[in-house]
C-alpha cells in the first residue's frame, strides 16, 4: 500500500481516476478542468497536486507551489478513516459541516449541489480506498 499523499499514491489515484468512467468520463462530459491539491489541516501548504483537463487527470505529483482551484484538508486520522471506508454523499456533507473536511480553496456548497460534479467527486473518494 502506497503512503498517503506520496508521489506514488497520487499517481496511483491519477491512474484509478482515469480508469473510472464514473469519474473521468462524467467530468469529461462537462469539460471539467481543475488543479486539485490535498493535505493535512493546519499545514501551510498541501502535500500533493492533481491536474485535470477535460475530466482526465493529466499529471499528479508532490505539491510544488501550483495555484489550486480546489484544496482539501483533513486530519491524518480522518484521511486514514476515509481510506478504509470512503465518504458517501451524506457522510461528506457531515464531514464538511463539522469541519473534518476543509476546503481551503473551492466552493464545496456549490459543487455538492451540482450532480454532474458531486457524483464524480464523491466517487473519487471511493477510489482512494482502492489504492
N, C-alpha and C. Protein backbone atom coordinates (compact mmCIF):
# COMPACT_ATOMS: atom_id res chain seq x y z
N UNK A 1 0.83 -1.17 0.00
CA UNK A 1 0.00 0.00 0.00
C UNK A 1 0.89 1.25 0.00
N UNK A 2 0.60 2.16 -0.90
CA UNK A 2 1.38 3.39 -1.00
C UNK A 2 1.05 4.32 0.16
N UNK A 3 2.05 5.06 0.61
CA UNK A 3 1.86 6.02 1.70
C UNK A 3 0.99 7.18 1.22
N UNK A 4 0.00 7.54 2.03
CA UNK A 4 -0.92 8.62 1.73
C UNK A 4 -0.16 9.89 1.36
N UNK A 5 -0.57 10.51 0.26
CA UNK A 5 -0.04 11.77 -0.26
C UNK A 5 1.40 11.68 -0.76
N UNK A 6 1.92 10.49 -0.92
CA UNK A 6 3.24 10.34 -1.53
C UNK A 6 3.09 10.47 -3.05
N UNK A 7 4.21 10.63 -3.74
CA UNK A 7 4.18 10.70 -5.20
C UNK A 7 3.57 9.43 -5.78
N UNK A 8 3.93 8.28 -5.21
CA UNK A 8 3.38 7.01 -5.69
C UNK A 8 1.86 6.99 -5.49
N UNK A 9 1.40 7.41 -4.32
CA UNK A 9 -0.02 7.38 -4.00
C UNK A 9 -0.83 8.26 -4.95
N UNK A 10 -0.40 9.49 -5.16
CA UNK A 10 -1.17 10.41 -6.00
C UNK A 10 -1.17 9.94 -7.46
N UNK A 11 -0.10 9.29 -7.90
CA UNK A 11 -0.09 8.77 -9.27
C UNK A 11 -0.96 7.53 -9.41
N UNK A 12 -1.06 6.72 -8.37
CA UNK A 12 -1.99 5.60 -8.40
C UNK A 12 -3.44 6.11 -8.43
N UNK A 13 -3.69 7.19 -7.69
CA UNK A 13 -5.02 7.80 -7.73
C UNK A 13 -5.31 8.36 -9.12
N UNK A 14 -4.34 8.98 -9.74
CA UNK A 14 -4.50 9.50 -11.10
C UNK A 14 -4.89 8.38 -12.05
N UNK A 15 -4.19 7.25 -11.97
CA UNK A 15 -4.50 6.12 -12.85
C UNK A 15 -5.89 5.56 -12.58
N UNK A 16 -6.27 5.47 -11.30
CA UNK A 16 -7.61 4.97 -10.95
C UNK A 16 -8.68 5.94 -11.43
N UNK A 17 -8.45 7.22 -11.29
CA UNK A 17 -9.35 8.27 -11.76
C UNK A 17 -9.61 8.11 -13.26
N UNK A 18 -8.54 7.99 -14.02
CA UNK A 18 -8.67 7.90 -15.47
C UNK A 18 -9.33 6.60 -15.92
N UNK A 19 -9.20 5.55 -15.12
CA UNK A 19 -9.79 4.25 -15.47
C UNK A 19 -11.26 4.14 -15.06
N UNK A 20 -11.76 5.12 -14.31
CA UNK A 20 -13.12 5.06 -13.79
C UNK A 20 -14.04 6.00 -14.58
N UNK A 21 -14.88 5.43 -15.47
CA UNK A 21 -15.76 6.28 -16.28
C UNK A 21 -16.74 7.12 -15.47
N UNK A 22 -17.07 6.67 -14.27
CA UNK A 22 -17.97 7.45 -13.42
C UNK A 22 -17.30 8.71 -12.87
N UNK A 23 -15.99 8.78 -13.00
CA UNK A 23 -15.25 9.97 -12.59
C UNK A 23 -14.77 10.71 -13.83
N UNK A 24 -13.78 10.15 -14.52
CA UNK A 24 -13.19 10.87 -15.66
C UNK A 24 -14.19 11.07 -16.79
N UNK A 25 -15.01 10.07 -17.07
CA UNK A 25 -15.99 10.19 -18.15
C UNK A 25 -17.05 11.23 -17.86
N UNK A 26 -17.58 11.20 -16.65
CA UNK A 26 -18.62 12.17 -16.28
C UNK A 26 -18.07 13.58 -16.23
N UNK A 27 -16.83 13.73 -15.77
CA UNK A 27 -16.23 15.07 -15.73
C UNK A 27 -15.81 15.53 -17.12
N UNK A 28 -15.47 14.61 -18.00
CA UNK A 28 -15.18 14.97 -19.40
C UNK A 28 -16.44 15.51 -20.06
N UNK A 29 -17.59 14.94 -19.71
CA UNK A 29 -18.86 15.40 -20.28
C UNK A 29 -19.13 16.87 -19.99
N UNK A 30 -18.60 17.38 -18.88
CA UNK A 30 -18.84 18.79 -18.53
C UNK A 30 -17.57 19.63 -18.72
N UNK A 31 -16.58 19.07 -19.41
CA UNK A 31 -15.31 19.77 -19.67
C UNK A 31 -14.68 20.31 -18.40
N UNK A 32 -14.62 19.47 -17.38
CA UNK A 32 -14.07 19.87 -16.09
C UNK A 32 -12.56 20.00 -16.17
N UNK A 33 -12.07 21.18 -15.78
CA UNK A 33 -10.64 21.47 -15.71
C UNK A 33 -10.34 22.01 -14.33
N UNK A 34 -9.29 21.49 -13.69
CA UNK A 34 -9.01 21.95 -12.34
C UNK A 34 -7.64 21.50 -11.88
N UNK A 35 -7.08 22.28 -10.97
CA UNK A 35 -5.88 21.89 -10.23
C UNK A 35 -6.35 21.59 -8.81
N UNK A 36 -6.17 20.35 -8.39
CA UNK A 36 -6.67 19.87 -7.11
C UNK A 36 -5.48 19.54 -6.22
N UNK A 37 -5.50 20.06 -5.00
CA UNK A 37 -4.45 19.73 -4.04
C UNK A 37 -5.09 19.17 -2.78
N UNK A 38 -4.29 18.46 -2.01
CA UNK A 38 -4.79 17.93 -0.75
C UNK A 38 -3.65 17.76 0.23
N UNK A 39 -4.04 17.71 1.48
CA UNK A 39 -3.05 17.57 2.54
C UNK A 39 -3.72 17.57 3.89
N UNK A 40 -2.96 17.99 4.90
CA UNK A 40 -3.43 17.94 6.27
C UNK A 40 -3.83 19.32 6.78
N UNK A 41 -4.91 19.34 7.56
CA UNK A 41 -5.34 20.58 8.20
C UNK A 41 -4.21 21.11 9.07
N UNK A 42 -4.05 22.42 9.04
CA UNK A 42 -3.03 23.06 9.84
C UNK A 42 -1.70 23.24 9.15
N UNK A 43 -1.46 22.50 8.07
CA UNK A 43 -0.22 22.66 7.32
C UNK A 43 -0.29 23.93 6.48
N UNK A 44 0.85 24.57 6.26
CA UNK A 44 0.90 25.78 5.45
C UNK A 44 0.59 25.51 3.98
N UNK A 45 0.98 24.34 3.51
CA UNK A 45 0.80 24.01 2.08
C UNK A 45 0.28 22.59 1.96
N UNK A 46 -0.40 22.32 0.84
CA UNK A 46 -0.84 20.93 0.60
C UNK A 46 0.37 20.03 0.34
N UNK A 47 0.13 18.75 0.27
CA UNK A 47 1.20 17.78 0.05
C UNK A 47 1.29 17.28 -1.38
N UNK A 48 0.14 17.18 -2.05
CA UNK A 48 0.19 16.68 -3.42
C UNK A 48 -0.77 17.47 -4.31
N UNK A 49 -0.55 17.32 -5.61
CA UNK A 49 -1.32 18.08 -6.60
C UNK A 49 -1.74 17.13 -7.71
N UNK A 50 -2.88 17.46 -8.29
CA UNK A 50 -3.55 16.62 -9.28
C UNK A 50 -4.13 17.57 -10.33
N UNK A 51 -3.71 17.45 -11.58
CA UNK A 51 -4.18 18.36 -12.62
C UNK A 51 -5.13 17.62 -13.54
N UNK A 52 -6.34 18.19 -13.72
CA UNK A 52 -7.38 17.57 -14.53
C UNK A 52 -7.71 18.49 -15.70
N UNK A 53 -7.70 17.91 -16.89
CA UNK A 53 -8.08 18.64 -18.11
C UNK A 53 -9.16 17.85 -18.82
N UNK A 54 -10.30 18.50 -19.01
CA UNK A 54 -11.46 17.86 -19.64
C UNK A 54 -11.77 16.50 -19.01
N UNK A 55 -11.72 16.47 -17.68
CA UNK A 55 -12.09 15.28 -16.93
C UNK A 55 -10.97 14.27 -16.72
N UNK A 56 -9.90 14.38 -17.51
CA UNK A 56 -8.80 13.42 -17.45
C UNK A 56 -7.68 13.98 -16.57
N UNK A 57 -7.19 13.15 -15.66
CA UNK A 57 -6.05 13.54 -14.84
C UNK A 57 -4.80 13.45 -15.71
N UNK A 58 -4.21 14.59 -16.01
CA UNK A 58 -3.06 14.62 -16.93
C UNK A 58 -1.72 14.61 -16.20
N UNK A 59 -1.72 15.00 -14.93
CA UNK A 59 -0.48 14.92 -14.16
C UNK A 59 -0.82 14.87 -12.67
N UNK A 60 0.13 14.34 -11.93
CA UNK A 60 -0.02 14.23 -10.48
C UNK A 60 1.37 14.15 -9.87
N UNK A 61 1.50 14.68 -8.68
CA UNK A 61 2.79 14.61 -8.01
C UNK A 61 2.77 15.35 -6.69
N UNK A 62 3.95 15.52 -6.15
CA UNK A 62 4.08 16.27 -4.91
C UNK A 62 3.86 17.74 -5.21
N UNK A 63 3.27 18.44 -4.27
CA UNK A 63 2.94 19.85 -4.44
C UNK A 63 4.21 20.67 -4.62
N UNK A 64 4.18 21.54 -5.64
CA UNK A 64 5.34 22.37 -5.94
C UNK A 64 4.99 23.83 -6.11
N UNK A 65 3.97 24.30 -5.42
CA UNK A 65 3.60 25.70 -5.50
C UNK A 65 2.52 26.02 -6.52
N UNK A 66 1.92 25.01 -7.12
CA UNK A 66 0.87 25.23 -8.11
C UNK A 66 -0.31 25.97 -7.48
N UNK A 67 -0.97 26.80 -8.28
CA UNK A 67 -2.16 27.53 -7.83
C UNK A 67 -3.35 26.57 -7.91
N UNK A 68 -3.94 26.28 -6.79
CA UNK A 68 -5.03 25.31 -6.72
C UNK A 68 -6.38 25.95 -6.96
N UNK A 69 -7.25 25.20 -7.63
CA UNK A 69 -8.66 25.56 -7.72
C UNK A 69 -9.42 24.93 -6.56
N UNK A 70 -8.95 23.75 -6.15
CA UNK A 70 -9.53 23.00 -5.04
C UNK A 70 -8.38 22.58 -4.13
N UNK A 71 -8.51 22.83 -2.84
CA UNK A 71 -7.51 22.41 -1.87
C UNK A 71 -8.26 21.81 -0.69
N UNK A 72 -8.15 20.51 -0.55
CA UNK A 72 -8.88 19.78 0.50
C UNK A 72 -7.93 19.39 1.61
N UNK A 73 -8.39 19.59 2.84
CA UNK A 73 -7.57 19.25 4.00
C UNK A 73 -8.39 18.51 5.04
N UNK A 74 -7.74 17.63 5.75
CA UNK A 74 -8.34 16.90 6.86
C UNK A 74 -7.21 16.43 7.77
N UNK A 75 -7.56 15.95 8.94
CA UNK A 75 -6.54 15.41 9.84
C UNK A 75 -6.05 14.07 9.29
N UNK A 76 -4.88 13.65 9.75
CA UNK A 76 -4.35 12.36 9.29
C UNK A 76 -5.29 11.23 9.72
N UNK A 77 -5.92 11.36 10.89
CA UNK A 77 -6.84 10.33 11.36
C UNK A 77 -8.07 10.24 10.46
N UNK A 78 -8.60 11.39 10.05
CA UNK A 78 -9.78 11.36 9.18
C UNK A 78 -9.43 10.82 7.80
N UNK A 79 -8.30 11.27 7.23
CA UNK A 79 -7.89 10.71 5.93
C UNK A 79 -7.77 9.19 6.03
N UNK A 80 -7.11 8.71 7.10
CA UNK A 80 -6.92 7.26 7.27
C UNK A 80 -8.27 6.54 7.34
N UNK A 81 -9.21 7.13 8.06
CA UNK A 81 -10.54 6.53 8.17
C UNK A 81 -11.21 6.44 6.79
N UNK A 82 -11.09 7.52 6.02
CA UNK A 82 -11.73 7.56 4.70
C UNK A 82 -11.03 6.67 3.68
N UNK A 83 -9.77 6.31 3.94
CA UNK A 83 -9.08 5.38 3.04
C UNK A 83 -9.61 3.97 3.23
N UNK A 84 -10.17 3.70 4.40
CA UNK A 84 -10.75 2.38 4.68
C UNK A 84 -12.24 2.32 4.39
N UNK A 85 -12.93 3.43 4.64
CA UNK A 85 -14.37 3.50 4.41
C UNK A 85 -14.64 4.83 3.71
N UNK A 86 -14.87 4.79 2.40
CA UNK A 86 -14.99 6.04 1.66
C UNK A 86 -16.20 6.87 2.06
N UNK A 87 -16.04 8.15 1.88
CA UNK A 87 -17.14 9.07 2.13
C UNK A 87 -18.27 8.84 1.13
N UNK A 88 -19.47 8.99 1.60
CA UNK A 88 -20.66 8.98 0.75
C UNK A 88 -21.13 10.42 0.63
N UNK A 89 -22.14 10.65 -0.15
CA UNK A 89 -22.68 12.00 -0.27
C UNK A 89 -23.08 12.54 1.11
N UNK A 90 -23.74 11.70 1.90
CA UNK A 90 -24.19 12.12 3.22
C UNK A 90 -23.01 12.33 4.17
N UNK A 91 -22.11 11.36 4.25
CA UNK A 91 -21.00 11.50 5.20
C UNK A 91 -20.05 12.61 4.78
N UNK A 92 -19.96 12.90 3.49
CA UNK A 92 -19.13 14.01 3.04
C UNK A 92 -19.74 15.33 3.50
N UNK A 93 -21.04 15.46 3.39
CA UNK A 93 -21.72 16.66 3.87
C UNK A 93 -21.51 16.85 5.36
N UNK A 94 -21.58 15.77 6.11
CA UNK A 94 -21.37 15.84 7.56
C UNK A 94 -19.91 16.21 7.85
N UNK A 95 -18.98 15.59 7.13
CA UNK A 95 -17.56 15.90 7.34
C UNK A 95 -17.28 17.38 7.06
N UNK A 96 -17.90 17.92 6.03
CA UNK A 96 -17.73 19.33 5.71
C UNK A 96 -18.37 20.21 6.79
N UNK A 97 -19.59 19.88 7.16
CA UNK A 97 -20.33 20.69 8.14
C UNK A 97 -19.65 20.70 9.51
N UNK A 98 -19.01 19.60 9.88
CA UNK A 98 -18.35 19.53 11.18
C UNK A 98 -16.90 19.98 11.13
N UNK A 99 -16.40 20.34 9.94
CA UNK A 99 -15.03 20.82 9.82
C UNK A 99 -13.99 19.73 9.69
N UNK A 100 -14.42 18.47 9.58
CA UNK A 100 -13.45 17.39 9.40
C UNK A 100 -12.83 17.44 8.01
N UNK A 101 -13.61 17.83 7.02
CA UNK A 101 -13.11 18.03 5.66
C UNK A 101 -13.18 19.52 5.38
N UNK A 102 -12.03 20.12 5.19
CA UNK A 102 -11.96 21.57 4.99
C UNK A 102 -11.52 21.87 3.56
N UNK A 103 -12.17 22.82 2.96
CA UNK A 103 -11.80 23.28 1.63
C UNK A 103 -11.12 24.64 1.77
N UNK A 104 -9.79 24.64 1.66
CA UNK A 104 -9.03 25.88 1.71
C UNK A 104 -9.33 26.69 0.45
N UNK A 105 -9.48 25.98 -0.66
CA UNK A 105 -9.88 26.57 -1.95
C UNK A 105 -10.99 25.71 -2.51
N UNK A 106 -11.91 26.33 -3.24
CA UNK A 106 -13.01 25.62 -3.87
C UNK A 106 -14.31 25.86 -3.12
N UNK A 107 -15.39 25.80 -3.86
CA UNK A 107 -16.71 26.08 -3.31
C UNK A 107 -17.49 24.78 -3.15
N UNK A 108 -17.32 24.15 -2.00
CA UNK A 108 -17.95 22.86 -1.73
C UNK A 108 -19.47 22.95 -1.86
N UNK A 109 -20.07 23.98 -1.30
CA UNK A 109 -21.53 24.08 -1.28
C UNK A 109 -22.11 24.14 -2.69
N UNK A 110 -21.48 24.88 -3.58
CA UNK A 110 -21.96 24.95 -4.96
C UNK A 110 -21.73 23.63 -5.68
N UNK A 111 -20.54 23.03 -5.47
CA UNK A 111 -20.20 21.78 -6.15
C UNK A 111 -21.15 20.66 -5.73
N UNK A 112 -21.42 20.53 -4.44
CA UNK A 112 -22.21 19.40 -3.96
C UNK A 112 -23.66 19.47 -4.42
N UNK A 113 -24.13 20.66 -4.79
CA UNK A 113 -25.50 20.83 -5.29
C UNK A 113 -25.61 20.54 -6.79
N UNK A 114 -24.48 20.34 -7.45
CA UNK A 114 -24.45 20.09 -8.89
C UNK A 114 -24.15 18.61 -9.13
N UNK A 115 -25.15 17.79 -9.45
CA UNK A 115 -24.93 16.35 -9.60
C UNK A 115 -23.83 15.99 -10.61
N UNK A 116 -23.66 16.80 -11.65
CA UNK A 116 -22.63 16.47 -12.64
C UNK A 116 -21.22 16.61 -12.08
N UNK A 117 -21.08 17.32 -10.98
CA UNK A 117 -19.79 17.42 -10.29
C UNK A 117 -19.76 16.59 -9.00
N UNK A 118 -20.86 16.61 -8.27
CA UNK A 118 -20.89 15.96 -6.96
C UNK A 118 -20.71 14.45 -7.03
N UNK A 119 -21.41 13.81 -7.95
CA UNK A 119 -21.34 12.35 -8.05
C UNK A 119 -19.91 11.89 -8.37
N UNK A 120 -19.24 12.46 -9.39
CA UNK A 120 -17.86 12.05 -9.63
C UNK A 120 -16.92 12.40 -8.48
N UNK A 121 -17.17 13.53 -7.82
CA UNK A 121 -16.32 13.92 -6.70
C UNK A 121 -16.41 12.89 -5.57
N UNK A 122 -17.61 12.51 -5.21
CA UNK A 122 -17.78 11.51 -4.16
C UNK A 122 -17.17 10.18 -4.59
N UNK A 123 -17.37 9.81 -5.84
CA UNK A 123 -16.79 8.55 -6.35
C UNK A 123 -15.27 8.58 -6.30
N UNK A 124 -14.67 9.77 -6.51
CA UNK A 124 -13.21 9.87 -6.46
C UNK A 124 -12.69 9.53 -5.07
N UNK A 125 -13.47 9.84 -4.03
CA UNK A 125 -13.07 9.45 -2.68
C UNK A 125 -13.10 7.93 -2.55
N UNK A 126 -14.04 7.29 -3.21
CA UNK A 126 -14.10 5.82 -3.19
C UNK A 126 -12.88 5.21 -3.84
N UNK A 127 -12.33 5.87 -4.84
CA UNK A 127 -11.13 5.36 -5.49
C UNK A 127 -9.96 5.30 -4.55
N UNK A 128 -9.94 6.20 -3.57
CA UNK A 128 -8.83 6.22 -2.61
C UNK A 128 -8.75 4.93 -1.81
N UNK A 129 -9.87 4.26 -1.61
CA UNK A 129 -9.85 3.01 -0.86
C UNK A 129 -9.24 1.87 -1.67
N UNK A 130 -9.11 2.06 -2.97
CA UNK A 130 -8.58 1.02 -3.85
C UNK A 130 -7.06 1.09 -4.00
N UNK A 131 -6.46 2.12 -3.43
CA UNK A 131 -5.01 2.31 -3.57
C UNK A 131 -4.27 1.63 -2.44
